[in-house]
Amino acid sequence: MTVANELGNISSTSFREQAARAIRRAIFTGKIAPGVLYSVSALSGQLGVSATPVREAMLDLVSEGLVVAVRSRGYRVADLTPQDLDHILRLRVLLEVPTSGEIAESRNDDDLPRLLELAARLPDLAGSGDYETYLEKDQEFHLGLLALSGNPRLVSIVEKLRNQTRIFDVSKLAASGGLAGSAHEHLEIMEAIKDRDRRRTEELVEHHILRSRRAWPAEKAAGS
């Protein structure tokens, strides 16, 4: 089956990682839709590259829990159940909340300008409809904040968990009004970090993470 929406070309010098990034972005924005089978040949045609890096990229996305291989037929977006989401968010709370609190206490002033810039930009991006850029900058903010812990393994684990929760199309979250609220919460988190308020930082980060559960589609949540 062909891809319903243009995914955007990547250059002829691209490799597996760039193909994975483009496909991942298309999943997050709903251009690659749940419940639809996609062949490597169809995806490679949309991306303008040979089948090899796309096939390798799909294997990476399977290992990340974003797509499922359907034997001899292709790939489809993983079906994330309410229970799956609960498990992922619980792990994120365990990892991100205490780490963010520690960062609030120990951070240096030099750590803040880039994060403040990103936090200030996110509300405008949420309102603009440029969801691809919003997701990119949102990820940059959260992983950049956690990187201040000096623990790259934690950052890598959280990146994978965050990506799995993004299988829910961000445009649907925006339509429900949830994206605007989420965007503004980044500014509140940064204010608490600026004040070195560990308790407030942890409360805000946990609330921010669990927003994903509250925004989960009603038809999905009904089965929880």
C-alpha atoms as a PDB file:
ATOM      1  CA  MET A   1       0.000   0.000   0.000  1.00  0.00           C
ATOM      2  CA  THR A   2       1.233   3.495  -0.759  1.00  0.00           C
ATOM      3  CA  VAL A   3       1.631   6.159   1.898  1.00  0.00           C
ATOM      4  CA  ALA A   4      -1.351   8.496   1.983  1.00  0.00           C
ATOM      5  CA  ASN A   5       0.622  11.664   2.764  1.00  0.00           C
ATOM      6  CA  GLU A   6       3.926  13.004   1.465  1.00  0.00           C
ATOM      7  CA  LEU A   7       6.541  12.387   4.144  1.00  0.00           C
ATOM      8  CA  GLY A   8       9.174  14.759   2.774  1.00  0.00           C
ATOM      9  CA  ASN A   9      12.358  13.862   0.951  1.00  0.00           C
ATOM     10  CA  ILE A  10      15.696  13.155   2.559  1.00  0.00           C
ATOM     11  CA  SER A  11      18.959  13.658   0.713  1.00  0.00           C
ATOM     12  CA  SER A  12      20.714  10.963  -1.284  1.00  0.00           C
ATOM     13  CA  THR A  13      23.533  10.916   1.264  1.00  0.00           C
ATOM     14  CA  SER A  14      21.118   9.982   4.093  1.00  0.00           C
ATOM     15  CA  PHE A  15      21.526   6.791   6.016  1.00  0.00           C
ATOM     16  CA  ARG A  16      19.522   4.628   8.350  1.00  0.00           C
ATOM     17  CA  GLU A  17      19.325   7.218  11.140  1.00  0.00           C
ATOM     18  CA  GLN A  18      17.903   9.951   8.913  1.00  0.00           C
ATOM     19  CA  ALA A  19      15.339   7.573   7.423  1.00  0.00           C
ATOM     20  CA  ALA A  20      14.294   6.523  10.934  1.00  0.00           C
ATOM     21  CA  ARG A  21      13.991  10.169  11.983  1.00  0.00           C
ATOM     22  CA  ALA A  22      11.745  11.011   9.032  1.00  0.00           C
ATOM     23  CA  ILE A  23       9.482   7.995   9.559  1.00  0.00           C
ATOM     24  CA  ARG A  24       9.349   8.581  13.312  1.00  0.00           C
ATOM     25  CA  ARG A  25       8.259  12.183  12.710  1.00  0.00           C
ATOM     26  CA  ALA A  26       5.562  11.006  10.287  1.00  0.00           C
ATOM     27  CA  ILE A  27       4.196   8.606  12.915  1.00  0.00           C
ATOM     28  CA  PHE A  28       4.046  11.346  15.551  1.00  0.00           C
ATOM     29  CA  THR A  29       2.170  13.732  13.270  1.00  0.00           C
ATOM     30  CA  GLY A  30      -0.255  11.125  11.911  1.00  0.00           C
ATOM     31  CA  LYS A  31       1.116  11.064   8.354  1.00  0.00           C
ATOM     32  CA  ILE A  32       1.772   7.384   8.913  1.00  0.00           C
ATOM     33  CA  ALA A  33      -1.531   6.204  10.309  1.00  0.00           C
ATOM     34  CA  PRO A  34      -2.273   3.449  12.829  1.00  0.00           C
ATOM     35  CA  GLY A  35      -3.926   0.338  11.418  1.00  0.00           C
ATOM     36  CA  VAL A  36      -2.405   0.749   7.947  1.00  0.00           C
ATOM     37  CA  LEU A  37       0.261  -1.543   6.498  1.00  0.00           C
ATOM     38  CA  TYR A  38       3.267   0.148   4.884  1.00  0.00           C
ATOM     39  CA  SER A  39       5.797  -1.635   2.728  1.00  0.00           C
ATOM     40  CA  VAL A  40       9.479  -0.768   2.623  1.00  0.00           C
ATOM     41  CA  SER A  41       9.175  -0.004  -1.094  1.00  0.00           C
ATOM     42  CA  ALA A  42       6.326   2.469  -0.513  1.00  0.00           C
ATOM     43  CA  LEU A  43       8.196   4.249   2.276  1.00  0.00           C
ATOM     44  CA  SER A  44      11.451   4.388   0.329  1.00  0.00           C
ATOM     45  CA  GLY A  45       9.586   5.885  -2.628  1.00  0.00           C
ATOM     46  CA  GLN A  46       8.095   8.608  -0.435  1.00  0.00           C
ATOM     47  CA  LEU A  47      11.471   9.385   1.115  1.00  0.00           C
ATOM     48  CA  GLY A  48      13.369   9.306  -2.167  1.00  0.00           C
ATOM     49  CA  VAL A  49      15.994   6.785  -1.056  1.00  0.00           C
ATOM     50  CA  SER A  50      16.779   3.122  -1.694  1.00  0.00           C
ATOM     51  CA  ALA A  51      15.086   0.361   0.232  1.00  0.00           C
ATOM     52  CA  THR A  52      18.139  -0.615   2.298  1.00  0.00           C
ATOM     53  CA  PRO A  53      18.299   2.333   4.745  1.00  0.00           C
ATOM     54  CA  VAL A  54      14.503   2.279   5.081  1.00  0.00           C
ATOM     55  CA  ARG A  55      14.497  -1.444   5.878  1.00  0.00           C
ATOM     56  CA  GLU A  56      17.229  -0.882   8.478  1.00  0.00           C
ATOM     57  CA  ALA A  57      15.335   2.101   9.893  1.00  0.00           C
ATOM     58  CA  MET A  58      12.179   0.040  10.297  1.00  0.00           C
ATOM     59  CA  LEU A  59      14.116  -2.550  12.290  1.00  0.00           C
ATOM     60  CA  ASP A  60      15.261   0.261  14.590  1.00  0.00           C
ATOM     61  CA  LEU A  61      11.693   1.485  15.001  1.00  0.00           C
ATOM     62  CA  VAL A  62      10.528  -2.046  15.820  1.00  0.00           C
ATOM     63  CA  SER A  63      13.139  -2.197  18.593  1.00  0.00           C
ATOM     64  CA  GLU A  64      11.907   1.191  19.870  1.00  0.00           C
ATOM     65  CA  GLY A  65       8.361  -0.134  20.134  1.00  0.00           C
ATOM     66  CA  LEU A  66       6.978   2.289  17.555  1.00  0.00           C
ATOM     67  CA  VAL A  67       6.129  -0.145  14.759  1.00  0.00           C
ATOM     68  CA  VAL A  68       5.323  -3.837  14.418  1.00  0.00           C
ATOM     69  CA  ALA A  69       6.551  -6.091  11.617  1.00  0.00           C
ATOM     70  CA  VAL A  70       3.814  -8.064   9.841  1.00  0.00           C
ATOM     71  CA  ARG A  71       5.451 -11.108   8.292  1.00  0.00           C
ATOM     72  CA  SER A  72       5.864 -10.874   4.517  1.00  0.00           C
ATOM     73  CA  ARG A  73       3.502  -7.892   4.357  1.00  0.00           C
ATOM     74  CA  GLY A  74       5.170  -4.811   5.816  1.00  0.00           C
ATOM     75  CA  TYR A  75       4.935  -2.703   8.964  1.00  0.00           C
ATOM     76  CA  ARG A  76       2.240  -0.954  10.947  1.00  0.00           C
ATOM     77  CA  VAL A  77       2.251   1.521  13.821  1.00  0.00           C
ATOM     78  CA  ALA A  78       2.245  -0.237  17.201  1.00  0.00           C
ATOM     79  CA  ASP A  79      -1.134  -0.328  18.951  1.00  0.00           C
ATOM     80  CA  LEU A  80      -0.588   1.359  22.310  1.00  0.00           C
ATOM     81  CA  THR A  81      -3.180   0.233  24.865  1.00  0.00           C
ATOM     82  CA  PRO A  82      -4.220   2.209  27.964  1.00  0.00           C
ATOM     83  CA  GLN A  83      -2.293  -0.293  30.077  1.00  0.00           C
ATOM     84  CA  ASP A  84       0.807   0.202  27.909  1.00  0.00           C
ATOM     85  CA  LEU A  85       0.515   3.950  28.386  1.00  0.00           C
ATOM     86  CA  ASP A  86       0.121   3.582  32.149  1.00  0.00           C
ATOM     87  CA  HIS A  87       3.282   1.474  32.311  1.00  0.00           C
ATOM     88  CA  ILE A  88       5.267   3.943  30.205  1.00  0.00           C
ATOM     89  CA  LEU A  89       4.129   6.975  32.185  1.00  0.00           C
ATOM     90  CA  ARG A  90       4.863   5.259  35.488  1.00  0.00           C
ATOM     91  CA  LEU A  91       8.436   4.652  34.339  1.00  0.00           C
ATOM     92  CA  ARG A  92       8.757   8.248  33.202  1.00  0.00           C
ATOM     93  CA  VAL A  93       7.545   9.548  36.560  1.00  0.00           C
ATOM     94  CA  LEU A  94      10.054   7.338  38.377  1.00  0.00           C
ATOM     95  CA  LEU A  95      12.919   8.565  36.205  1.00  0.00           C
ATOM     96  CA  GLU A  96      12.116  12.170  35.350  1.00  0.00           C
ATOM     97  CA  VAL A  97      10.531  13.540  38.512  1.00  0.00           C
ATOM     98  CA  PRO A  98      13.376  12.991  41.027  1.00  0.00           C
ATOM     99  CA  THR A  99      15.990  13.797  38.395  1.00  0.00           C
ATOM    100  CA  SER A 100      14.348  17.136  37.609  1.00  0.00           C
ATOM    101  CA  GLY A 101      14.165  17.909  41.327  1.00  0.00           C
ATOM    102  CA  GLU A 102      17.872  17.212  41.736  1.00  0.00           C
ATOM    103  CA  ILE A 103      18.628  19.448  38.761  1.00  0.00           C
ATOM    104  CA  ALA A 104      16.579  22.286  40.289  1.00  0.00           C
ATOM    105  CA  GLU A 105      18.755  22.137  43.399  1.00  0.00           C
ATOM    106  CA  SER A 106      22.132  21.740  41.699  1.00  0.00           C
ATOM    107  CA  ARG A 107      21.813  23.592  38.378  1.00  0.00           C
ATOM    108  CA  ASN A 108      24.137  26.412  37.322  1.00  0.00           C
ATOM    109  CA  ASP A 109      22.868  29.710  35.953  1.00  0.00           C
ATOM    110  CA  ASP A 110      24.684  28.937  32.696  1.00  0.00           C
ATOM    111  CA  ASP A 111      22.413  25.922  32.213  1.00  0.00           C
ATOM    112  CA  LEU A 112      19.233  27.974  31.963  1.00  0.00           C
ATOM    113  CA  PRO A 113      19.254  30.324  28.923  1.00  0.00           C
ATOM    114  CA  ARG A 114      18.818  27.655  26.228  1.00  0.00           C
ATOM    115  CA  LEU A 115      16.082  25.873  28.164  1.00  0.00           C
ATOM    116  CA  LEU A 116      14.299  29.155  28.882  1.00  0.00           C
ATOM    117  CA  GLU A 117      14.441  30.032  25.193  1.00  0.00           C
ATOM    118  CA  LEU A 118      12.896  26.696  24.238  1.00  0.00           C
ATOM    119  CA  ALA A 119      10.199  26.945  26.936  1.00  0.00           C
ATOM    120  CA  ALA A 120       9.234  30.424  25.725  1.00  0.00           C
ATOM    121  CA  ARG A 121       9.015  29.287  22.109  1.00  0.00           C
ATOM    122  CA  LEU A 122       6.806  26.235  22.659  1.00  0.00           C
ATOM    123  CA  PRO A 123       3.457  28.024  23.258  1.00  0.00           C
ATOM    124  CA  ASP A 124       3.766  29.884  19.940  1.00  0.00           C
ATOM    125  CA  LEU A 125       4.641  26.668  18.115  1.00  0.00           C
ATOM    126  CA  ALA A 126       1.676  24.891  19.699  1.00  0.00           C
ATOM    127  CA  GLY A 127      -0.649  27.594  18.388  1.00  0.00           C
ATOM    128  CA  SER A 128       0.909  27.772  14.938  1.00  0.00           C
ATOM    129  CA  GLY A 129      -0.003  24.271  13.824  1.00  0.00           C
ATOM    130  CA  ASP A 130       3.634  23.480  13.052  1.00  0.00           C
ATOM    131  CA  TYR A 131       3.491  20.233  14.977  1.00  0.00           C
ATOM    132  CA  GLU A 132       6.700  18.780  13.576  1.00  0.00           C
ATOM    133  CA  THR A 133       8.748  21.698  14.886  1.00  0.00           C
ATOM    134  CA  TYR A 134       6.819  21.673  18.166  1.00  0.00           C
ATOM    135  CA  LEU A 135       7.620  18.012  18.760  1.00  0.00           C
ATOM    136  CA  GLU A 136      11.268  18.550  17.874  1.00  0.00           C
ATOM    137  CA  LYS A 137      11.666  21.486  20.272  1.00  0.00           C
ATOM    138  CA  ASP A 138       9.620  19.816  22.992  1.00  0.00           C
ATOM    139  CA  GLN A 139      11.931  16.795  22.839  1.00  0.00           C
ATOM    140  CA  GLU A 140      14.958  19.089  22.807  1.00  0.00           C
ATOM    141  CA  PHE A 141      13.694  20.822  25.949  1.00  0.00           C
ATOM    142  CA  HIS A 142      12.989  17.700  27.967  1.00  0.00           C
ATOM    143  CA  LEU A 143      16.091  15.774  26.979  1.00  0.00           C
ATOM    144  CA  GLY A 144      18.212  18.904  27.367  1.00  0.00           C
ATOM    145  CA  LEU A 145      16.889  19.348  30.890  1.00  0.00           C
ATOM    146  CA  LEU A 146      17.581  15.729  31.826  1.00  0.00           C
ATOM    147  CA  ALA A 147      21.056  15.938  30.272  1.00  0.00           C
ATOM    148  CA  LEU A 148      21.986  18.333  33.080  1.00  0.00           C
ATOM    149  CA  SER A 149      21.948  15.266  35.339  1.00  0.00           C
ATOM    150  CA  GLY A 150      25.105  14.032  33.623  1.00  0.00           C
ATOM    151  CA  ASN A 151      23.475  10.622  33.074  1.00  0.00           C
ATOM    152  CA  PRO A 152      23.325   9.840  29.326  1.00  0.00           C
ATOM    153  CA  ARG A 153      21.822   6.391  29.906  1.00  0.00           C
ATOM    154  CA  LEU A 154      18.849   7.926  31.673  1.00  0.00           C
ATOM    155  CA  VAL A 155      18.396  10.404  28.827  1.00  0.00           C
ATOM    156  CA  SER A 156      18.459   7.573  26.266  1.00  0.00           C
ATOM    157  CA  ILE A 157      15.872   5.525  28.162  1.00  0.00           C
ATOM    158  CA  VAL A 158      13.546   8.510  28.599  1.00  0.00           C
ATOM    159  CA  GLU A 159      13.857   9.409  24.919  1.00  0.00           C
ATOM    160  CA  LYS A 160      12.600   5.955  23.967  1.00  0.00           C
ATOM    161  CA  LEU A 161       9.728   6.113  26.463  1.00  0.00           C
ATOM    162  CA  ARG A 162       8.713   9.601  25.292  1.00  0.00           C
ATOM    163  CA  ASN A 163       8.691   8.461  21.679  1.00  0.00           C
ATOM    164  CA  GLN A 164       6.345   5.588  22.489  1.00  0.00           C
ATOM    165  CA  THR A 165       3.769   7.922  24.037  1.00  0.00           C
ATOM    166  CA  ARG A 166       3.826  10.037  20.884  1.00  0.00           C
ATOM    167  CA  ILE A 167       2.122   7.357  18.826  1.00  0.00           C
ATOM    168  CA  PHE A 168      -1.045   9.301  19.694  1.00  0.00           C
ATOM    169  CA  ASP A 169      -1.296  11.870  16.886  1.00  0.00           C
ATOM    170  CA  VAL A 170      -0.287  15.298  18.252  1.00  0.00           C
ATOM    171  CA  SER A 171      -2.839  17.054  16.029  1.00  0.00           C
ATOM    172  CA  LYS A 172      -5.615  15.318  17.993  1.00  0.00           C
ATOM    173  CA  LEU A 173      -4.140  16.595  21.247  1.00  0.00           C
ATOM    174  CA  ALA A 174      -4.023  20.081  19.762  1.00  0.00           C
ATOM    175  CA  ALA A 175      -7.654  19.856  18.634  1.00  0.00           C
ATOM    176  CA  SER A 176      -8.701  18.952  22.184  1.00  0.00           C
ATOM    177  CA  GLY A 177      -6.902  22.000  23.584  1.00  0.00           C
ATOM    178  CA  GLY A 178      -4.397  19.874  25.464  1.00  0.00           C
ATOM    179  CA  LEU A 179      -1.348  20.922  23.493  1.00  0.00           C
ATOM    180  CA  ALA A 180      -1.602  24.603  24.443  1.00  0.00           C
ATOM    181  CA  GLY A 181      -1.809  23.744  28.124  1.00  0.00           C
ATOM    182  CA  SER A 182       1.119  21.373  27.857  1.00  0.00           C
ATOM    183  CA  ALA A 183       3.208  24.008  26.083  1.00  0.00           C
ATOM    184  CA  HIS A 184       2.703  26.592  28.841  1.00  0.00           C
ATOM    185  CA  GLU A 185       3.698  24.099  31.523  1.00  0.00           C
ATOM    186  CA  HIS A 186       7.298  24.217  30.290  1.00  0.00           C
ATOM    187  CA  LEU A 187       7.487  27.838  31.424  1.00  0.00           C
ATOM    188  CA  GLU A 188       6.153  26.939  34.867  1.00  0.00           C
ATOM    189  CA  ILE A 189       8.742  24.184  35.206  1.00  0.00           C
ATOM    190  CA  MET A 190      11.520  26.593  34.321  1.00  0.00           C
ATOM    191  CA  GLU A 191      10.302  29.151  36.865  1.00  0.00           C
ATOM    192  CA  ALA A 192      10.488  26.510  39.594  1.00  0.00           C
ATOM    193  CA  ILE A 193      13.969  25.491  38.469  1.00  0.00           C
ATOM    194  CA  LYS A 194      15.104  29.124  38.431  1.00  0.00           C
ATOM    195  CA  ASP A 195      13.884  29.390  42.041  1.00  0.00           C
ATOM    196  CA  ARG A 196      15.728  26.171  42.965  1.00  0.00           C
ATOM    197  CA  ASP A 197      12.390  24.897  44.262  1.00  0.00           C
ATOM    198  CA  ARG A 198      12.825  21.132  44.181  1.00  0.00           C
ATOM    199  CA  ARG A 199       9.380  20.236  45.493  1.00  0.00           C
ATOM    200  CA  ARG A 200       7.552  22.531  43.078  1.00  0.00           C
ATOM    201  CA  THR A 201       9.679  21.317  40.169  1.00  0.00           C
ATOM    202  CA  GLU A 202       8.839  17.694  40.925  1.00  0.00           C
ATOM    203  CA  GLU A 203       5.131  18.450  41.252  1.00  0.00           C
ATOM    204  CA  LEU A 204       5.054  20.287  37.929  1.00  0.00           C
ATOM    205  CA  VAL A 205       7.061  17.651  36.060  1.00  0.00           C
ATOM    206  CA  GLU A 206       4.813  14.842  37.320  1.00  0.00           C
ATOM    207  CA  HIS A 207       1.674  16.800  36.358  1.00  0.00           C
ATOM    208  CA  HIS A 208       3.187  17.456  32.924  1.00  0.00           C
ATOM    209  CA  ILE A 209       4.011  13.798  32.318  1.00  0.00           C
ATOM    210  CA  LEU A 210       0.585  12.549  33.402  1.00  0.00           C
ATOM    211  CA  ARG A 211      -1.164  14.987  31.056  1.00  0.00           C
ATOM    212  CA  SER A 212      -0.577  12.338  28.365  1.00  0.00           C
ATOM    213  CA  ARG A 213      -2.882   9.960  30.229  1.00  0.00           C
ATOM    214  CA  ARG A 214      -5.579  12.566  30.736  1.00  0.00           C
ATOM    215  CA  ALA A 215      -5.493  13.435  27.030  1.00  0.00           C
ATOM    216  CA  TRP A 216      -5.719   9.833  25.820  1.00  0.00           C
ATOM    217  CA  PRO A 217      -8.661   9.384  23.428  1.00  0.00           C
ATOM    218  CA  ALA A 218     -11.954   8.484  25.107  1.00  0.00           C
ATOM    219  CA  GLU A 219     -12.384   5.367  22.957  1.00  0.00           C
ATOM    220  CA  LYS A 220      -9.008   4.113  24.194  1.00  0.00           C
ATOM    221  CA  ALA A 221      -9.499   5.106  27.810  1.00  0.00           C
ATOM    222  CA  ALA A 222     -12.863   3.357  27.910  1.00  0.00           C
ATOM    223  CA  GLY A 223     -11.072   0.025  27.867  1.00  0.00           C
ATOM    224  CA  SER A 224      -8.825   0.820  30.845  1.00  0.00           C
END
